[in-house]
Amino acid sequence: MKPLPKNMTLDDLAALTQQGFVELEEKLTEKIDSKIDGLRTEMDIRFKAVDKRFDQMDERFDKLEFRVGGYDRRLERLEDKMMVVNVKLGIN
């Protein structure tokens, strides 16, 4: 801390105090902005990871729907064949 001159007035002291608060505000703003930027970067990374996971899940569901759709079509054909057999055998 700098030594204060002996002939300092209250206005001088007020101006020094105000300058100290201005400098403190600038330092705090800089630190807060830096923290916020870091958090934004981290959030972006995490959201991209979540997006990637959802994309992978979409691919898996698409594959699953394709496979289940194949089984569904097979089941429909078997049911149709069973109806033909039932009609031929006279079973309702």
PDB file of N, CA and C in Angstrom:
ATOM      1  N   MET A   1       0.840  -1.171   0.000  1.00  0.00           N
ATOM      2  CA  MET A   1       0.000   0.000   0.000  1.00  0.00           C
ATOM      3  C   MET A   1       0.887   1.236   0.000  1.00  0.00           C
ATOM      4  N   LYS A   2       0.517   2.183  -0.834  1.00  0.00           N
ATOM      5  CA  LYS A   2       1.292   3.419  -0.959  1.00  0.00           C
ATOM      6  C   LYS A   2       1.068   4.330   0.247  1.00  0.00           C
ATOM      7  N   PRO A   3       2.138   5.010   0.697  1.00  0.00           N
ATOM      8  CA  PRO A   3       1.910   5.978   1.777  1.00  0.00           C
ATOM      9  C   PRO A   3       1.132   7.182   1.250  1.00  0.00           C
ATOM     10  N   LEU A   4       0.207   7.665   2.042  1.00  0.00           N
ATOM     11  CA  LEU A   4      -0.629   8.790   1.627  1.00  0.00           C
ATOM     12  C   LEU A   4       0.100  10.112   1.906  1.00  0.00           C
ATOM     13  N   PRO A   5      -0.034  11.103   1.007  1.00  0.00           N
ATOM     14  CA  PRO A   5       0.578  12.410   1.262  1.00  0.00           C
ATOM     15  C   PRO A   5      -0.097  13.079   2.464  1.00  0.00           C
ATOM     16  N   LYS A   6       0.671  13.904   3.176  1.00  0.00           N
ATOM     17  CA  LYS A   6       0.160  14.533   4.403  1.00  0.00           C
ATOM     18  C   LYS A   6      -0.890  15.601   4.130  1.00  0.00           C
ATOM     19  N   ASN A   7      -0.835  16.225   2.984  1.00  0.00           N
ATOM     20  CA  ASN A   7      -1.789  17.300   2.708  1.00  0.00           C
ATOM     21  C   ASN A   7      -2.989  16.813   1.889  1.00  0.00           C
ATOM     22  N   MET A   8      -3.398  15.558   2.085  1.00  0.00           N
ATOM     23  CA  MET A   8      -4.525  14.974   1.345  1.00  0.00           C
ATOM     24  C   MET A   8      -5.842  15.505   1.913  1.00  0.00           C
ATOM     25  N   THR A   9      -6.740  15.838   1.000  1.00  0.00           N
ATOM     26  CA  THR A   9      -8.056  16.320   1.407  1.00  0.00           C
ATOM     27  C   THR A   9      -9.045  15.156   1.415  1.00  0.00           C
ATOM     28  N   LEU A  10     -10.229  15.399   1.939  1.00  0.00           N
ATOM     29  CA  LEU A  10     -11.281  14.374   1.925  1.00  0.00           C
ATOM     30  C   LEU A  10     -11.682  14.019   0.496  1.00  0.00           C
ATOM     31  N   ASP A  11     -11.677  15.020  -0.383  1.00  0.00           N
ATOM     32  CA  ASP A  11     -12.000  14.757  -1.794  1.00  0.00           C
ATOM     33  C   ASP A  11     -10.952  13.845  -2.419  1.00  0.00           C
ATOM     34  N   ASP A  12      -9.661  14.083  -2.072  1.00  0.00           N
ATOM     35  CA  ASP A  12      -8.600  13.217  -2.586  1.00  0.00           C
ATOM     36  C   ASP A  12      -8.783  11.782  -2.079  1.00  0.00           C
ATOM     37  N   LEU A  13      -9.096  11.664  -0.788  1.00  0.00           N
ATOM     38  CA  LEU A  13      -9.320  10.344  -0.191  1.00  0.00           C
ATOM     39  C   LEU A  13     -10.521   9.646  -0.837  1.00  0.00           C
ATOM     40  N   ALA A  14     -11.569  10.395  -1.080  1.00  0.00           N
ATOM     41  CA  ALA A  14     -12.761   9.833  -1.730  1.00  0.00           C
ATOM     42  C   ALA A  14     -12.419   9.358  -3.145  1.00  0.00           C
ATOM     43  N   ALA A  15     -11.638  10.156  -3.867  1.00  0.00           N
ATOM     44  CA  ALA A  15     -11.251   9.773  -5.229  1.00  0.00           C
ATOM     45  C   ALA A  15     -10.390   8.514  -5.203  1.00  0.00           C
ATOM     46  N   LEU A  16      -9.459   8.398  -4.257  1.00  0.00           N
ATOM     47  CA  LEU A  16      -8.625   7.194  -4.130  1.00  0.00           C
ATOM     48  C   LEU A  16      -9.483   5.967  -3.804  1.00  0.00           C
ATOM     49  N   THR A  17     -10.427   6.173  -2.895  1.00  0.00           N
ATOM     50  CA  THR A  17     -11.317   5.069  -2.530  1.00  0.00           C
ATOM     51  C   THR A  17     -12.148   4.629  -3.731  1.00  0.00           C
ATOM     52  N   GLN A  18     -12.667   5.590  -4.477  1.00  0.00           N
ATOM     53  CA  GLN A  18     -13.457   5.279  -5.660  1.00  0.00           C
ATOM     54  C   GLN A  18     -12.603   4.538  -6.679  1.00  0.00           C
ATOM     55  N   GLN A  19     -11.381   4.990  -6.890  1.00  0.00           N
ATOM     56  CA  GLN A  19     -10.472   4.327  -7.835  1.00  0.00           C
ATOM     57  C   GLN A  19     -10.196   2.888  -7.386  1.00  0.00           C
ATOM     58  N   GLY A  20     -10.051   2.684  -6.081  1.00  0.00           N
ATOM     59  CA  GLY A  20      -9.844   1.327  -5.556  1.00  0.00           C
ATOM     60  C   GLY A  20     -11.027   0.423  -5.854  1.00  0.00           C
ATOM     61  N   PHE A  21     -12.229   0.954  -5.677  1.00  0.00           N
ATOM     62  CA  PHE A  21     -13.427   0.161  -5.982  1.00  0.00           C
ATOM     63  C   PHE A  21     -13.543  -0.128  -7.475  1.00  0.00           C
ATOM     64  N   VAL A  22     -13.177   0.838  -8.308  1.00  0.00           N
ATOM     65  CA  VAL A  22     -13.215   0.643  -9.761  1.00  0.00           C
ATOM     66  C   VAL A  22     -12.244  -0.465 -10.158  1.00  0.00           C
ATOM     67  N   GLU A  23     -11.031  -0.432  -9.599  1.00  0.00           N
ATOM     68  CA  GLU A  23     -10.042  -1.469  -9.906  1.00  0.00           C
ATOM     69  C   GLU A  23     -10.507  -2.839  -9.413  1.00  0.00           C
ATOM     70  N   LEU A  24     -11.090  -2.866  -8.224  1.00  0.00           N
ATOM     71  CA  LEU A  24     -11.608  -4.119  -7.680  1.00  0.00           C
ATOM     72  C   LEU A  24     -12.712  -4.674  -8.569  1.00  0.00           C
ATOM     73  N   GLU A  25     -13.613  -3.802  -9.014  1.00  0.00           N
ATOM     74  CA  GLU A  25     -14.696  -4.230  -9.900  1.00  0.00           C
ATOM     75  C   GLU A  25     -14.143  -4.809 -11.197  1.00  0.00           C
ATOM     76  N   GLU A  26     -13.128  -4.167 -11.767  1.00  0.00           N
ATOM     77  CA  GLU A  26     -12.534  -4.651 -13.014  1.00  0.00           C
ATOM     78  C   GLU A  26     -11.916  -6.032 -12.816  1.00  0.00           C
ATOM     79  N   LYS A  27     -11.184  -6.219 -11.702  1.00  0.00           N
ATOM     80  CA  LYS A  27     -10.565  -7.519 -11.427  1.00  0.00           C
ATOM     81  C   LYS A  27     -11.612  -8.606 -11.218  1.00  0.00           C
ATOM     82  N   LEU A  28     -12.655  -8.281 -10.445  1.00  0.00           N
ATOM     83  CA  LEU A  28     -13.718  -9.262 -10.204  1.00  0.00           C
ATOM     84  C   LEU A  28     -14.465  -9.605 -11.484  1.00  0.00           C
ATOM     85  N   THR A  29     -14.745  -8.586 -12.278  1.00  0.00           N
ATOM     86  CA  THR A  29     -15.440  -8.817 -13.549  1.00  0.00           C
ATOM     87  C   THR A  29     -14.612  -9.720 -14.444  1.00  0.00           C
ATOM     88  N   GLU A  30     -13.318  -9.483 -14.493  1.00  0.00           N
ATOM     89  CA  GLU A  30     -12.431 -10.297 -15.321  1.00  0.00           C
ATOM     90  C   GLU A  30     -12.423 -11.752 -14.834  1.00  0.00           C
ATOM     91  N   LYS A  31     -12.322 -11.937 -13.501  1.00  0.00           N
ATOM     92  CA  LYS A  31     -12.326 -13.296 -12.950  1.00  0.00           C
ATOM     93  C   LYS A  31     -13.658 -13.998 -13.209  1.00  0.00           C
ATOM     94  N   ILE A  32     -14.743 -13.285 -12.996  1.00  0.00           N
ATOM     95  CA  ILE A  32     -16.076 -13.877 -13.205  1.00  0.00           C
ATOM     96  C   ILE A  32     -16.272 -14.234 -14.671  1.00  0.00           C
ATOM     97  N   ASP A  33     -15.887 -13.331 -15.568  1.00  0.00           N
ATOM     98  CA  ASP A  33     -16.014 -13.619 -16.999  1.00  0.00           C
ATOM     99  C   ASP A  33     -15.186 -14.841 -17.387  1.00  0.00           C
ATOM    100  N   SER A  34     -13.994 -14.944 -16.819  1.00  0.00           N
ATOM    101  CA  SER A  34     -13.138 -16.095 -17.095  1.00  0.00           C
ATOM    102  C   SER A  34     -13.790 -17.387 -16.617  1.00  0.00           C
ATOM    103  N   LYS A  35     -14.361 -17.362 -15.410  1.00  0.00           N
ATOM    104  CA  LYS A  35     -15.049 -18.547 -14.876  1.00  0.00           C
ATOM    105  C   LYS A  35     -16.246 -18.919 -15.744  1.00  0.00           C
ATOM    106  N   ILE A  36     -17.021 -17.911 -16.137  1.00  0.00           N
ATOM    107  CA  ILE A  36     -18.203 -18.165 -16.971  1.00  0.00           C
ATOM    108  C   ILE A  36     -17.790 -18.767 -18.306  1.00  0.00           C
ATOM    109  N   ASP A  37     -16.730 -18.247 -18.908  1.00  0.00           N
ATOM    110  CA  ASP A  37     -16.250 -18.803 -20.179  1.00  0.00           C
ATOM    111  C   ASP A  37     -15.823 -20.258 -20.012  1.00  0.00           C
ATOM    112  N   GLY A  38     -15.156 -20.549 -18.895  1.00  0.00           N
ATOM    113  CA  GLY A  38     -14.754 -21.932 -18.623  1.00  0.00           C
ATOM    114  C   GLY A  38     -15.953 -22.844 -18.462  1.00  0.00           C
ATOM    115  N   LEU A  39     -16.962 -22.367 -17.753  1.00  0.00           N
ATOM    116  CA  LEU A  39     -18.177 -23.162 -17.564  1.00  0.00           C
ATOM    117  C   LEU A  39     -18.909 -23.379 -18.884  1.00  0.00           C
ATOM    118  N   ARG A  40     -18.951 -22.327 -19.713  1.00  0.00           N
ATOM    119  CA  ARG A  40     -19.603 -22.471 -21.027  1.00  0.00           C
ATOM    120  C   ARG A  40     -18.892 -23.523 -21.863  1.00  0.00           C
ATOM    121  N   THR A  41     -17.571 -23.472 -21.845  1.00  0.00           N
ATOM    122  CA  THR A  41     -16.787 -24.449 -22.610  1.00  0.00           C
ATOM    123  C   THR A  41     -17.060 -25.861 -22.111  1.00  0.00           C
ATOM    124  N   GLU A  42     -17.053 -26.030 -20.789  1.00  0.00           N
ATOM    125  CA  GLU A  42     -17.318 -27.348 -20.211  1.00  0.00           C
ATOM    126  C   GLU A  42     -18.727 -27.830 -20.552  1.00  0.00           C
ATOM    127  N   MET A  43     -19.701 -26.928 -20.476  1.00  0.00           N
ATOM    128  CA  MET A  43     -21.082 -27.297 -20.812  1.00  0.00           C
ATOM    129  C   MET A  43     -21.186 -27.692 -22.285  1.00  0.00           C
ATOM    130  N   ASP A  44     -20.530 -26.958 -23.169  1.00  0.00           N
ATOM    131  CA  ASP A  44     -20.553 -27.296 -24.590  1.00  0.00           C
ATOM    132  C   ASP A  44     -19.995 -28.699 -24.822  1.00  0.00           C
ATOM    133  N   ILE A  45     -18.889 -29.002 -24.150  1.00  0.00           N
ATOM    134  CA  ILE A  45     -18.276 -30.332 -24.298  1.00  0.00           C
ATOM    135  C   ILE A  45     -19.239 -31.407 -23.820  1.00  0.00           C
ATOM    136  N   ARG A  46     -19.853 -31.174 -22.676  1.00  0.00           N
ATOM    137  CA  ARG A  46     -20.781 -32.171 -22.127  1.00  0.00           C
ATOM    138  C   ARG A  46     -22.030 -32.326 -22.996  1.00  0.00           C
ATOM    139  N   PHE A  47     -22.565 -31.209 -23.510  1.00  0.00           N
ATOM    140  CA  PHE A  47     -23.736 -31.303 -24.388  1.00  0.00           C
ATOM    141  C   PHE A  47     -23.409 -32.041 -25.682  1.00  0.00           C
ATOM    142  N   LYS A  48     -22.207 -31.826 -26.205  1.00  0.00           N
ATOM    143  CA  LYS A  48     -21.807 -32.554 -27.412  1.00  0.00           C
ATOM    144  C   LYS A  48     -21.722 -34.049 -27.132  1.00  0.00           C
ATOM    145  N   ALA A  49     -21.215 -34.405 -25.944  1.00  0.00           N
ATOM    146  CA  ALA A  49     -21.146 -35.817 -25.565  1.00  0.00           C
ATOM    147  C   ALA A  49     -22.547 -36.411 -25.458  1.00  0.00           C
ATOM    148  N   VAL A  50     -23.480 -35.656 -24.877  1.00  0.00           N
ATOM    149  CA  VAL A  50     -24.869 -36.137 -24.760  1.00  0.00           C
ATOM    150  C   VAL A  50     -25.489 -36.274 -26.149  1.00  0.00           C
ATOM    151  N   ASP A  51     -25.248 -35.301 -27.025  1.00  0.00           N
ATOM    152  CA  ASP A  51     -25.765 -35.386 -28.395  1.00  0.00           C
ATOM    153  C   ASP A  51     -25.236 -36.634 -29.095  1.00  0.00           C
ATOM    154  N   LYS A  52     -23.959 -36.913 -28.885  1.00  0.00           N
ATOM    155  CA  LYS A  52     -23.357 -38.100 -29.512  1.00  0.00           C
ATOM    156  C   LYS A  52     -24.034 -39.369 -28.995  1.00  0.00           C
ATOM    157  N   ARG A  53     -24.287 -39.406 -27.676  1.00  0.00           N
ATOM    158  CA  ARG A  53     -24.956 -40.572 -27.113  1.00  0.00           C
ATOM    159  C   ARG A  53     -26.360 -40.745 -27.695  1.00  0.00           C
ATOM    160  N   PHE A  54     -27.105 -39.642 -27.821  1.00  0.00           N
ATOM    161  CA  PHE A  54     -28.443 -39.734 -28.402  1.00  0.00           C
ATOM    162  C   PHE A  54     -28.379 -40.190 -29.858  1.00  0.00           C
ATOM    163  N   ASP A  55     -27.389 -39.710 -30.595  1.00  0.00           N
ATOM    164  CA  ASP A  55     -27.232 -40.162 -31.982  1.00  0.00           C
ATOM    165  C   ASP A  55     -26.977 -41.661 -32.034  1.00  0.00           C
ATOM    166  N   GLN A  56     -26.139 -42.153 -31.125  1.00  0.00           N
ATOM    167  CA  GLN A  56     -25.865 -43.587 -31.079  1.00  0.00           C
ATOM    168  C   GLN A  56     -27.120 -44.364 -30.708  1.00  0.00           C
ATOM    169  N   MET A  57     -27.912 -43.822 -29.778  1.00  0.00           N
ATOM    170  CA  MET A  57     -29.159 -44.490 -29.410  1.00  0.00           C
ATOM    171  C   MET A  57     -30.131 -44.510 -30.584  1.00  0.00           C
ATOM    172  N   ASP A  58     -30.190 -43.420 -31.336  1.00  0.00           N
ATOM    173  CA  ASP A  58     -31.061 -43.387 -32.517  1.00  0.00           C
ATOM    174  C   ASP A  58     -30.660 -44.468 -33.509  1.00  0.00           C
ATOM    175  N   GLU A  59     -29.351 -44.623 -33.722  1.00  0.00           N
ATOM    176  CA  GLU A  59     -28.884 -45.663 -34.638  1.00  0.00           C
ATOM    177  C   GLU A  59     -29.299 -47.043 -34.137  1.00  0.00           C
ATOM    178  N   ARG A  60     -29.136 -47.281 -32.843  1.00  0.00           N
ATOM    179  CA  ARG A  60     -29.512 -48.577 -32.275  1.00  0.00           C
ATOM    180  C   ARG A  60     -31.006 -48.831 -32.421  1.00  0.00           C
ATOM    181  N   PHE A  61     -31.826 -47.808 -32.131  1.00  0.00           N
ATOM    182  CA  PHE A  61     -33.274 -47.975 -32.278  1.00  0.00           C
ATOM    183  C   PHE A  61     -33.664 -48.234 -33.731  1.00  0.00           C
ATOM    184  N   ASP A  62     -32.995 -47.556 -34.660  1.00  0.00           N
ATOM    185  CA  ASP A  62     -33.278 -47.797 -36.074  1.00  0.00           C
ATOM    186  C   ASP A  62     -32.993 -49.253 -36.441  1.00  0.00           C
ATOM    187  N   LYS A  63     -31.858 -49.765 -35.968  1.00  0.00           N
ATOM    188  CA  LYS A  63     -31.510 -51.173 -36.236  1.00  0.00           C
ATOM    189  C   LYS A  63     -32.527 -52.109 -35.604  1.00  0.00           C
ATOM    190  N   LEU A  64     -32.913 -51.784 -34.381  1.00  0.00           N
ATOM    191  CA  LEU A  64     -33.881 -52.612 -33.673  1.00  0.00           C
ATOM    192  C   LEU A  64     -35.244 -52.603 -34.380  1.00  0.00           C
ATOM    193  N   GLU A  65     -35.684 -51.427 -34.814  1.00  0.00           N
ATOM    194  CA  GLU A  65     -36.951 -51.327 -35.545  1.00  0.00           C
ATOM    195  C   GLU A  65     -36.898 -52.135 -36.832  1.00  0.00           C
ATOM    196  N   PHE A  66     -35.768 -52.097 -37.503  1.00  0.00           N
ATOM    197  CA  PHE A  66     -35.615 -52.857 -38.741  1.00  0.00           C
ATOM    198  C   PHE A  66     -35.739 -54.351 -38.469  1.00  0.00           C
ATOM    199  N   ARG A  67     -35.040 -54.819 -37.416  1.00  0.00           N
ATOM    200  CA  ARG A  67     -35.092 -56.247 -37.086  1.00  0.00           C
ATOM    201  C   ARG A  67     -36.488 -56.669 -36.649  1.00  0.00           C
ATOM    202  N   VAL A  68     -37.110 -55.875 -35.779  1.00  0.00           N
ATOM    203  CA  VAL A  68     -38.449 -56.211 -35.291  1.00  0.00           C
ATOM    204  C   VAL A  68     -39.439 -56.172 -36.445  1.00  0.00           C
ATOM    205  N   GLY A  69     -39.258 -55.226 -37.346  1.00  0.00           N
ATOM    206  CA  GLY A  69     -40.139 -55.155 -38.512  1.00  0.00           C
ATOM    207  C   GLY A  69     -40.061 -56.423 -39.345  1.00  0.00           C
ATOM    208  N   GLY A  70     -38.869 -56.975 -39.481  1.00  0.00           N
ATOM    209  CA  GLY A  70     -38.704 -58.238 -40.213  1.00  0.00           C
ATOM    210  C   GLY A  70     -39.437 -59.373 -39.531  1.00  0.00           C
ATOM    211  N   TYR A  71     -39.312 -59.450 -38.217  1.00  0.00           N
ATOM    212  CA  TYR A  71     -40.017 -60.505 -37.476  1.00  0.00           C
ATOM    213  C   TYR A  71     -41.522 -60.309 -37.565  1.00  0.00           C
ATOM    214  N   ASP A  72     -41.965 -59.070 -37.544  1.00  0.00           N
ATOM    215  CA  ASP A  72     -43.386 -58.772 -37.632  1.00  0.00           C
ATOM    216  C   ASP A  72     -43.947 -59.243 -38.978  1.00  0.00           C
ATOM    217  N   ARG A  73     -43.199 -58.981 -40.041  1.00  0.00           N
ATOM    218  CA  ARG A  73     -43.656 -59.424 -41.370  1.00  0.00           C
ATOM    219  C   ARG A  73     -43.676 -60.946 -41.457  1.00  0.00           C
ATOM    220  N   ARG A  74     -42.680 -61.602 -40.885  1.00  0.00           N
ATOM    221  CA  ARG A  74     -42.663 -63.073 -40.874  1.00  0.00           C
ATOM    222  C   ARG A  74     -43.874 -63.619 -40.125  1.00  0.00           C
ATOM    223  N   LEU A  75     -44.177 -63.009 -38.985  1.00  0.00           N
ATOM    224  CA  LEU A  75     -45.315 -63.451 -38.179  1.00  0.00           C
ATOM    225  C   LEU A  75     -46.616 -63.281 -38.961  1.00  0.00           C
ATOM    226  N   GLU A  76     -46.765 -62.173 -39.664  1.00  0.00           N
ATOM    227  CA  GLU A  76     -47.973 -61.963 -40.466  1.00  0.00           C
ATOM    228  C   GLU A  76     -48.101 -63.044 -41.539  1.00  0.00           C
ATOM    229  N   ARG A  77     -46.989 -63.378 -42.200  1.00  0.00           N
ATOM    230  CA  ARG A  77     -47.041 -64.418 -43.244  1.00  0.00           C
ATOM    231  C   ARG A  77     -47.410 -65.770 -42.643  1.00  0.00           C
ATOM    232  N   LEU A  78     -46.845 -66.091 -41.464  1.00  0.00           N
ATOM    233  CA  LEU A  78     -47.179 -67.353 -40.809  1.00  0.00           C
ATOM    234  C   LEU A  78     -48.653 -67.392 -40.411  1.00  0.00           C
ATOM    235  N   GLU A  79     -49.163 -66.274 -39.926  1.00  0.00           N
ATOM    236  CA  GLU A  79     -50.583 -66.224 -39.570  1.00  0.00           C
ATOM    237  C   GLU A  79     -51.456 -66.431 -40.805  1.00  0.00           C
ATOM    238  N   ASP A  80     -51.052 -65.820 -41.934  1.00  0.00           N
ATOM    239  CA  ASP A  80     -51.812 -66.008 -43.178  1.00  0.00           C
ATOM    240  C   ASP A  80     -51.795 -67.472 -43.595  1.00  0.00           C
ATOM    241  N   LYS A  81     -50.632 -68.107 -43.500  1.00  0.00           N
ATOM    242  CA  LYS A  81     -50.529 -69.527 -43.861  1.00  0.00           C
ATOM    243  C   LYS A  81     -51.372 -70.390 -42.928  1.00  0.00           C
ATOM    244  N   MET A  82     -51.378 -70.052 -41.634  1.00  0.00           N
ATOM    245  CA  MET A  82     -52.197 -70.810 -40.682  1.00  0.00           C
ATOM    246  C   MET A  82     -53.679 -70.682 -41.017  1.00  0.00           C
ATOM    247  N   MET A  83     -54.108 -69.493 -41.440  1.00  0.00           N
ATOM    248  CA  MET A  83     -55.512 -69.312 -41.807  1.00  0.00           C
ATOM    249  C   MET A  83     -55.855 -70.184 -43.004  1.00  0.00           C
ATOM    250  N   VAL A  84     -54.948 -70.264 -43.977  1.00  0.00           N
ATOM    251  CA  VAL A  84     -55.189 -71.103 -45.156  1.00  0.00           C
ATOM    252  C   VAL A  84     -55.309 -72.563 -44.738  1.00  0.00           C
ATOM    253  N   VAL A  85     -54.399 -72.996 -43.858  1.00  0.00           N
ATOM    254  CA  VAL A  85     -54.432 -74.379 -43.377  1.00  0.00           C
ATOM    255  C   VAL A  85     -55.727 -74.622 -42.603  1.00  0.00           C
ATOM    256  N   ASN A  86     -56.116 -73.694 -41.755  1.00  0.00           N
ATOM    257  CA  ASN A  86     -57.351 -73.853 -40.981  1.00  0.00           C
ATOM    258  C   ASN A  86     -58.558 -73.958 -41.891  1.00  0.00           C
ATOM    259  N   VAL A  87     -58.581 -73.143 -42.952  1.00  0.00           N
ATOM    260  CA  VAL A  87     -59.710 -73.187 -43.902  1.00  0.00           C
ATOM    261  C   VAL A  87     -59.738 -74.540 -44.587  1.00  0.00           C
ATOM    262  N   LYS A  88     -58.562 -75.028 -45.003  1.00  0.00           N
ATOM    263  CA  LYS A  88     -58.509 -76.330 -45.677  1.00  0.00           C
ATOM    264  C   LYS A  88     -58.933 -77.458 -44.754  1.00  0.00           C
ATOM    265  N   LEU A  89     -58.597 -77.312 -43.456  1.00  0.00           N
ATOM    266  CA  LEU A  89     -58.959 -78.364 -42.507  1.00  0.00           C
ATOM    267  C   LEU A  89     -60.360 -78.156 -41.944  1.00  0.00           C
ATOM    268  N   GLY A  90     -60.966 -77.012 -42.252  1.00  0.00           N
ATOM    269  CA  GLY A  90     -62.312 -76.743 -41.763  1.00  0.00           C
ATOM    270  C   GLY A  90     -62.318 -76.294 -40.316  1.00  0.00           C
ATOM    271  N   ILE A  91     -61.215 -75.727 -39.851  1.00  0.00           N
ATOM    272  CA  ILE A  91     -61.132 -75.246 -38.462  1.00  0.00           C
ATOM    273  C   ILE A  91     -61.387 -73.743 -38.484  1.00  0.00           C
ATOM    274  N   ASN A  92     -62.304 -73.287 -37.616  1.00  0.00           N
ATOM    275  CA  ASN A  92     -62.582 -71.834 -37.553  1.00  0.00           C
ATOM    276  C   ASN A  92     -61.745 -71.185 -36.548  1.00  0.00           C
TER     277      ASN A  92
END
